[in-house]
């Protein structure tokens, strides 16, 4: 291959693999940090820096309020540094605050009331959920959604559905008393109930029949060859049975859809995290930047809307991750503020320092574990 061909191949690889990854991560990080920034500013807290990425600054500018907005070299996160913080992790700089004048202290983050600090910290994860709702609602409004009737076309041999007595032509009306209006409703309900019996109400030949089925977790492969585990009952719908069609949504219906999708992703993510600690989920499914880059490049081949929906999925995951009660993460800060609200005074500097050190160690271990999973998935 000549130099021109090699450069062309390198450009194609960069364009296909790196650009979608940077787009997805930058959008998520920007909105997360924007939540911190906006609520902090509304709370009267001065912002020193707003960075997308870590490490050396690539490009930036100062706004009229003195905030340095910058794009940094390592695109694996970001931060907002408030006045009075010791570092980008919002560790309070007690000595610096003590040297401030009363006027300067009014805009310092550590000197703000516990309520204002908690609201500012919580705003980051909340912004991630708002972003997910906006993306799901926006793509649904722009393109509509595909729905199908919950009618069985095929029952897989040896499946839980066959063992339970489901048959082709059955229409699923309800699951545990919850109305099932579309085939997607049934899929979403089953998706979080591996090993949990589900009481179905089925319409068969004009009569209603109760059937109990227990989903079984199986390993499936997507169109890109990625393997994942999902609870299934073993039924298939077809165009003939389900009459799949695209339905246009108005603004409010699209917003309702965005909220329901975000809630579903939240439920599934919480169940997954709980399953890891409970031993029912495989921790090898935890991925890091390499896997996100791989997923982004694969989904980007399907179009811009699917890439946006991937960003929504990851935004929910990052929002929930940040709410974990681990010092260094937003949830850890909120845990400290809750203790402060109960005690009427902050935890001692020593306790907070030890907590942040433990939190840093846990976060680093999680990053190493995710990176290791990424590497082993490539072999």
Protein backbone atom coordinates (compact mmCIF):
# COMPACT_ATOMS: atom_id res chain seq x y z
CA UNK A 1 0.00 0.00 0.00
CA UNK A 2 1.40 3.43 -0.94
CA UNK A 3 1.50 6.38 1.47
CA UNK A 4 -1.70 7.89 0.09
CA UNK A 5 -3.52 4.58 0.51
CA UNK A 6 -2.17 4.12 4.03
CA UNK A 7 -3.25 7.61 5.03
CA UNK A 8 -6.65 7.01 3.46
CA UNK A 9 -7.09 3.78 5.43
CA UNK A 10 -5.99 5.53 8.62
CA UNK A 11 -8.48 8.34 8.00
CA UNK A 12 -11.28 5.85 7.33
CA UNK A 13 -10.47 4.01 10.56
CA UNK A 14 -10.38 7.25 12.53
CA UNK A 15 -13.58 8.53 10.97
CA UNK A 16 -15.49 5.30 11.55
CA UNK A 17 -14.21 4.37 15.01
CA UNK A 18 -13.03 7.52 16.77
CA UNK A 19 -15.40 10.24 15.62
CA UNK A 20 -18.64 8.50 16.75
CA UNK A 21 -17.01 7.69 20.10
CA UNK A 22 -15.92 11.29 20.64
CA UNK A 23 -19.34 12.58 19.60
CA UNK A 24 -21.23 10.30 22.01
CA UNK A 25 -18.91 10.88 24.95
CA UNK A 26 -18.64 14.64 24.41
CA UNK A 27 -22.42 15.09 24.29
CA UNK A 28 -22.91 13.08 27.50
CA UNK A 29 -20.09 14.75 29.40
CA UNK A 30 -21.06 18.25 28.26
CA UNK A 31 -24.65 17.92 29.45
CA UNK A 32 -23.60 16.32 32.74
CA UNK A 33 -21.22 19.14 33.53
CA UNK A 34 -23.67 21.72 32.21
CA UNK A 35 -26.13 20.56 34.87
CA UNK A 36 -23.53 21.22 37.59
CA UNK A 37 -22.63 24.57 36.04
CA UNK A 38 -26.15 25.95 35.59
CA UNK A 39 -27.41 25.05 39.05
CA UNK A 40 -24.15 26.21 40.61
CA UNK A 41 -24.45 29.58 38.91
CA UNK A 42 -28.13 29.87 39.88
CA UNK A 43 -27.05 29.17 43.46
CA UNK A 44 -24.62 32.08 43.36
CA UNK A 45 -21.49 29.92 43.22
CA UNK A 46 -18.56 31.13 41.16
CA UNK A 47 -17.21 28.74 38.51
CA UNK A 48 -13.47 28.72 37.80
CA UNK A 49 -13.40 26.21 34.94
CA UNK A 50 -15.67 24.11 32.75
CA UNK A 51 -13.74 21.35 30.99
CA UNK A 52 -14.76 18.63 28.58
CA UNK A 53 -11.94 16.11 28.99
CA UNK A 54 -9.03 15.93 31.41
CA UNK A 55 -5.37 16.79 31.19
CA UNK A 56 -3.71 19.53 29.13
CA UNK A 57 -5.97 22.14 27.58
CA UNK A 58 -6.28 21.96 23.80
CA UNK A 59 -8.39 25.06 23.27
CA UNK A 60 -10.41 27.37 25.50
CA UNK A 61 -11.65 30.85 26.32
CA UNK A 62 -12.69 32.95 29.31
CA UNK A 63 -16.24 34.25 29.55
CA UNK A 64 -17.25 37.56 31.14
CA UNK A 65 -17.86 35.85 34.50
CA UNK A 66 -14.28 34.60 34.67
CA UNK A 67 -15.02 30.97 33.85
CA UNK A 68 -12.47 29.18 31.69
CA UNK A 69 -14.29 27.02 29.12
CA UNK A 70 -11.93 24.45 27.64
CA UNK A 71 -11.53 21.27 25.66
CA UNK A 72 -8.84 19.05 27.18
CA UNK A 73 -6.67 16.31 25.74
CA UNK A 74 -8.05 13.18 27.43
CA UNK A 75 -11.69 12.73 26.29
CA UNK A 76 -12.76 10.36 29.07
CA UNK A 77 -14.84 12.68 31.22
CA UNK A 78 -14.91 16.29 32.30
CA UNK A 79 -15.35 18.55 35.28
CA UNK A 80 -16.59 21.85 36.62
CA UNK A 81 -14.22 23.45 39.13
CA UNK A 82 -15.95 25.82 41.50
CA UNK A 83 -14.44 28.68 43.46
CA UNK A 84 -13.04 27.23 46.69
CA UNK A 85 -12.51 23.70 45.35
CA UNK A 86 -9.06 22.20 45.80
CA UNK A 87 -9.27 20.22 42.57
CA UNK A 88 -11.57 19.07 39.77
CA UNK A 89 -13.15 16.43 42.05
CA UNK A 90 -14.75 19.20 44.18
CA UNK A 91 -12.63 18.39 47.22
CA UNK A 92 -13.03 21.50 49.39
CA UNK A 93 -9.96 23.66 49.96
CA UNK A 94 -10.57 24.61 53.59
CA UNK A 95 -7.38 26.64 53.95
CA UNK A 96 -8.14 28.72 50.86
CA UNK A 97 -11.71 29.37 52.03
CA UNK A 98 -10.40 30.44 55.45
CA UNK A 99 -8.22 33.09 53.78
CA UNK A 100 -11.09 34.53 51.76
CA UNK A 101 -12.79 37.76 52.56
CA UNK A 102 -16.52 37.66 53.43
CA UNK A 103 -17.32 38.88 49.92
CA UNK A 104 -15.18 36.18 48.27
CA UNK A 105 -16.60 33.50 50.53
CA UNK A 106 -20.12 34.26 49.29
CA UNK A 107 -19.25 32.74 45.90
CA UNK A 108 -17.22 29.79 47.21
CA UNK A 109 -18.66 26.31 46.82
CA UNK A 110 -17.54 24.99 50.27
CA UNK A 111 -19.13 28.04 51.95
CA UNK A 112 -22.51 27.57 50.25
CA UNK A 113 -25.38 26.05 52.24
CA UNK A 114 -25.63 22.26 52.22
CA UNK A 115 -28.83 22.53 50.20
CA UNK A 116 -27.21 24.60 47.45
CA UNK A 117 -24.21 22.28 47.32
CA UNK A 118 -26.42 19.18 47.14
CA UNK A 119 -28.57 20.70 44.39
CA UNK A 120 -25.47 21.63 42.39
CA UNK A 121 -23.98 18.15 42.67
CA UNK A 122 -27.26 16.33 41.95
CA UNK A 123 -27.82 18.47 38.85
CA UNK A 124 -25.15 16.57 36.89
CA UNK A 125 -26.81 13.13 36.99
CA UNK A 126 -30.23 14.74 36.61
CA UNK A 127 -29.00 16.42 33.42
CA UNK A 128 -28.04 12.97 32.10
CA UNK A 129 -31.61 11.74 32.58
CA UNK A 130 -33.04 14.89 30.99
CA UNK A 131 -30.71 14.40 28.02
CA UNK A 132 -31.89 10.81 27.60
CA UNK A 133 -35.55 11.86 27.72
CA UNK A 134 -34.89 14.60 25.15
CA UNK A 135 -33.10 12.23 22.76
CA UNK A 136 -35.68 9.45 22.99
CA UNK A 137 -38.52 11.95 22.62
CA UNK A 138 -36.83 13.83 19.78
CA UNK A 139 -36.04 10.76 17.68
CA UNK A 140 -39.54 9.37 18.28
CA UNK A 141 -41.13 12.67 17.24
CA UNK A 142 -38.94 12.95 14.13
CA UNK A 143 -39.25 9.37 12.87
CA UNK A 144 -42.19 7.83 14.71
CA UNK A 145 -42.06 4.49 16.49
CA UNK A 146 -42.59 0.97 15.21
CA UNK A 147 -45.24 -0.97 17.12
CA UNK A 148 -46.76 -4.40 16.75
CA UNK A 149 -49.66 -6.26 18.33
CA UNK A 150 -48.72 -8.74 21.11
CA UNK A 151 -49.78 -11.78 19.06
CA UNK A 152 -47.68 -14.96 18.99
CA UNK A 153 -46.59 -16.22 15.56
CA UNK A 154 -44.21 -18.96 16.72
CA UNK A 155 -43.29 -20.72 19.96
CA UNK A 156 -39.68 -21.91 20.12
CA UNK A 157 -39.17 -25.58 20.95
CA UNK A 158 -37.89 -26.21 24.47
CA UNK A 159 -38.64 -22.63 25.51
CA UNK A 160 -40.39 -21.45 28.70
CA UNK A 161 -43.34 -20.42 26.50
CA UNK A 162 -43.73 -23.97 25.19
CA UNK A 163 -43.48 -25.39 28.70
CA UNK A 164 -46.14 -22.92 29.87
CA UNK A 165 -48.54 -23.85 27.05
CA UNK A 166 -48.45 -20.71 24.89
CA UNK A 167 -49.43 -21.33 21.26
CA UNK A 168 -49.33 -19.51 17.89
CA UNK A 169 -52.24 -17.10 17.58
CA UNK A 170 -52.35 -16.26 21.30
CA UNK A 171 -52.75 -12.57 22.06
CA UNK A 172 -51.09 -11.40 25.29
CA UNK A 173 -53.48 -9.04 27.08
CA UNK A 174 -51.76 -8.52 30.45
CA UNK A 175 -48.70 -9.49 32.48
CA UNK A 176 -49.10 -9.62 36.27
CA UNK A 177 -52.17 -7.45 35.85
CA UNK A 178 -50.36 -4.82 33.75
CA UNK A 179 -51.94 -4.14 30.35
CA UNK A 180 -49.87 -5.28 27.36
CA UNK A 181 -50.79 -3.20 24.32
CA UNK A 182 -47.82 -3.87 22.03
CA UNK A 183 -45.25 -6.60 21.54
CA UNK A 184 -42.62 -4.13 22.81
CA UNK A 185 -44.58 -3.80 26.08
CA UNK A 186 -44.19 -7.54 26.62
CA UNK A 187 -40.49 -7.48 25.71
CA UNK A 188 -39.83 -4.66 28.19
CA UNK A 189 -41.73 -6.46 30.94
CA UNK A 190 -39.88 -9.73 30.40
CA UNK A 191 -36.48 -8.01 30.12
CA UNK A 192 -36.15 -7.42 33.87
CA UNK A 193 -37.63 -10.70 35.16
CA UNK A 194 -35.22 -13.55 34.51
CA UNK A 195 -36.28 -16.50 36.66
CA UNK A 196 -39.38 -14.67 37.93
CA UNK A 197 -42.78 -16.28 37.16
CA UNK A 198 -45.09 -13.97 35.16
CA UNK A 199 -48.85 -14.40 35.23
CA UNK A 200 -50.07 -13.77 31.68
CA UNK A 201 -53.63 -13.20 30.58
CA UNK A 202 -53.98 -14.65 27.09
CA UNK A 203 -56.80 -14.38 24.56
CA UNK A 204 -57.21 -17.66 22.66
CA UNK A 205 -60.09 -18.38 20.28
CA UNK A 206 -62.10 -15.58 21.86
CA UNK A 207 -61.65 -16.83 25.43
CA UNK A 208 -59.34 -15.50 28.12
CA UNK A 209 -56.84 -17.99 29.56
CA UNK A 210 -54.41 -17.52 32.46
CA UNK A 211 -50.89 -18.83 31.78
CA UNK A 212 -47.82 -18.55 34.00
CA UNK A 213 -44.42 -18.42 32.29
CA UNK A 214 -40.94 -18.01 33.78
CA UNK A 215 -38.41 -16.16 31.57
CA UNK A 216 -35.03 -17.81 31.09
CA UNK A 217 -31.81 -15.88 30.54
CA UNK A 218 -30.13 -16.75 27.25
CA UNK A 219 -27.06 -15.53 25.38
CA UNK A 220 -27.91 -13.86 22.09
CA UNK A 221 -25.81 -12.31 19.33
CA UNK A 222 -26.60 -9.03 17.58
CA UNK A 223 -25.94 -8.16 13.94
CA UNK A 224 -22.40 -7.05 14.79
CA UNK A 225 -21.46 -10.32 16.51
CA UNK A 226 -21.66 -8.94 20.05
CA UNK A 227 -22.94 -11.40 22.63
CA UNK A 228 -25.26 -10.34 25.45
CA UNK A 229 -27.54 -12.04 27.95
CA UNK A 230 -31.26 -11.32 27.97
CA UNK A 231 -34.32 -12.91 29.63
CA UNK A 232 -36.65 -14.55 27.08
CA UNK A 233 -39.79 -16.64 27.09
CA UNK A 234 -39.29 -17.99 23.58
CA UNK A 235 -42.04 -16.49 21.42
CA UNK A 236 -41.69 -14.81 18.04
CA UNK A 237 -43.91 -12.24 16.35
CA UNK A 238 -44.18 -11.82 12.60
CA UNK A 239 -45.47 -9.08 10.31
CA UNK A 240 -48.57 -11.19 9.73
CA UNK A 241 -49.33 -11.82 13.42
CA UNK A 242 -48.30 -8.45 14.88
CA UNK A 243 -49.07 -6.11 11.97
CA UNK A 244 -45.92 -4.07 12.61
CA UNK A 245 -46.37 -0.43 11.60
CA UNK A 246 -44.84 2.99 12.15
CA UNK A 247 -46.86 5.41 14.26
CA UNK A 248 -46.23 9.16 14.25
CA UNK A 249 -46.24 10.84 17.65
CA UNK A 250 -47.21 14.34 18.65
CA UNK A 251 -45.06 16.43 20.97
CA UNK A 252 -46.65 15.28 24.22
CA UNK A 253 -46.86 11.64 23.17
CA UNK A 254 -43.20 11.77 22.15
CA UNK A 255 -42.27 13.29 25.50
CA UNK A 256 -44.23 10.57 27.31
CA UNK A 257 -42.41 7.98 25.20
CA UNK A 258 -39.06 9.57 26.09
CA UNK A 259 -39.86 9.39 29.80
CA UNK A 260 -41.03 5.77 29.58
CA UNK A 261 -37.93 4.71 27.63
CA UNK A 262 -35.63 6.47 30.08
CA UNK A 263 -37.42 4.83 33.01
CA UNK A 264 -37.12 1.42 31.32
CA UNK A 265 -33.37 1.87 30.74
CA UNK A 266 -32.99 3.05 34.34
CA UNK A 267 -34.81 -0.02 35.66
CA UNK A 268 -32.71 -2.36 33.53
CA UNK A 269 -29.46 -0.68 34.55
CA UNK A 270 -30.32 -0.78 38.25
CA UNK A 271 -31.32 -4.44 37.93
CA UNK A 272 -28.03 -5.17 36.16
CA UNK A 273 -25.96 -3.43 38.85
CA UNK A 274 -27.92 -5.22 41.57
CA UNK A 275 -27.48 -8.50 39.72
CA UNK A 276 -23.72 -8.08 39.66
CA UNK A 277 -23.59 -7.63 43.44
CA UNK A 278 -26.08 -10.47 43.87
CA UNK A 279 -24.18 -12.81 41.58
CA UNK A 280 -26.95 -13.24 39.01
CA UNK A 281 -25.30 -11.02 36.38
CA UNK A 282 -21.97 -11.52 34.66
CA UNK A 283 -19.53 -8.72 35.53
CA UNK A 284 -17.77 -9.30 32.20
CA UNK A 285 -20.57 -7.26 30.62
CA UNK A 286 -19.12 -4.13 32.26
CA UNK A 287 -17.33 -2.20 29.54
CA UNK A 288 -15.02 0.80 29.34
CA UNK A 289 -13.93 3.28 26.69
CA UNK A 290 -12.77 0.63 24.20
CA UNK A 291 -16.12 -1.12 24.22
CA UNK A 292 -17.98 2.21 24.02
CA UNK A 293 -15.83 3.17 21.02
CA UNK A 294 -16.57 -0.20 19.40
CA UNK A 295 -20.31 0.13 20.02
CA UNK A 296 -20.33 3.72 18.77
CA UNK A 297 -18.62 2.81 15.51
CA UNK A 298 -20.98 -0.12 14.95
CA UNK A 299 -24.14 1.85 15.69
CA UNK A 300 -22.94 4.79 13.58
CA UNK A 301 -23.16 2.54 10.50
CA UNK A 302 -26.92 2.34 11.10
CA UNK A 303 -27.42 6.11 11.00
CA UNK A 304 -27.40 9.24 13.15
CA UNK A 305 -30.65 8.50 15.01
CA UNK A 306 -29.40 5.13 16.33
CA UNK A 307 -26.17 6.84 17.42
CA UNK A 308 -28.21 9.41 19.33
CA UNK A 309 -30.20 6.62 21.00
CA UNK A 310 -26.92 4.98 22.04
CA UNK A 311 -25.91 8.30 23.59
CA UNK A 312 -29.22 8.30 25.51
CA UNK A 313 -28.60 4.77 26.80
CA UNK A 314 -25.08 5.64 27.93
CA UNK A 315 -26.27 8.93 29.44
CA UNK A 316 -28.62 7.04 31.76
CA UNK A 317 -25.83 4.63 32.71
CA UNK A 318 -23.41 7.45 33.48
CA UNK A 319 -26.06 9.30 35.46
CA UNK A 320 -26.71 6.22 37.61
CA UNK A 321 -23.00 5.47 37.98
CA UNK A 322 -22.41 8.97 39.30
CA UNK A 323 -25.17 8.51 41.89
CA UNK A 324 -23.41 5.55 43.51
CA UNK A 325 -22.48 6.49 47.13
CA UNK A 326 -18.75 6.45 46.42
CA UNK A 327 -16.63 9.46 47.41
CA UNK A 328 -15.18 11.13 44.29
CA UNK A 329 -18.49 10.51 42.51
CA UNK A 330 -21.53 12.77 42.82
CA UNK A 331 -23.30 10.19 44.96
CA UNK A 332 -20.42 10.23 47.42
CA UNK A 333 -20.63 14.01 47.75
CA UNK A 334 -24.38 13.74 48.31
CA UNK A 335 -23.72 11.13 51.01
CA UNK A 336 -21.38 13.55 52.79
CA UNK A 337 -23.95 16.36 52.50
CA UNK A 338 -26.68 14.11 53.92
CA UNK A 339 -24.44 13.38 56.91
CA UNK A 340 -23.78 17.09 57.29
CA UNK A 341 -27.50 17.89 57.20
CA UNK A 342 -28.20 15.29 59.92
CA UNK A 343 -25.25 16.30 62.13
CA UNK A 344 -25.67 20.03 61.65
CA UNK A 345 -21.98 20.36 60.69
CA UNK A 346 -19.68 18.88 58.03
CA UNK A 347 -17.74 15.71 58.58
CA UNK A 348 -14.17 16.32 59.73
CA UNK A 349 -11.52 17.06 57.11
CA UNK A 350 -9.77 13.82 58.04
CA UNK A 351 -12.89 11.71 57.52
CA UNK A 352 -13.56 13.39 54.18
CA UNK A 353 -9.95 12.98 53.11
CA UNK A 354 -9.99 9.27 53.94
CA UNK A 355 -13.31 8.92 52.13
CA UNK A 356 -12.00 10.60 48.99
CA UNK A 357 -8.90 8.40 49.02
CA UNK A 358 -11.02 5.27 49.32
CA UNK A 359 -13.35 6.57 46.62
CA UNK A 360 -10.45 7.28 44.29
CA UNK A 361 -9.14 3.75 44.81
CA UNK A 362 -12.57 2.25 44.08
CA UNK A 363 -13.02 4.36 40.94
CA UNK A 364 -9.55 3.43 39.70
CA UNK A 365 -10.24 -0.27 40.36
CA UNK A 366 -13.52 0.00 38.43
CA UNK A 367 -11.74 1.68 35.51
CA UNK A 368 -9.01 -0.98 35.45
CA UNK A 369 -11.62 -3.75 35.62
CA UNK A 370 -13.64 -2.22 32.77
CA UNK A 371 -10.49 -1.71 30.71
CA UNK A 372 -9.48 -5.34 31.32
CA UNK A 373 -12.92 -6.51 30.16
CA UNK A 374 -12.47 -4.39 27.05
CA UNK A 375 -9.13 -5.98 26.26
CA UNK A 376 -10.31 -9.55 26.85
CA UNK A 377 -13.38 -8.97 24.67
CA UNK A 378 -11.08 -8.12 21.77
CA UNK A 379 -9.20 -11.42 21.96
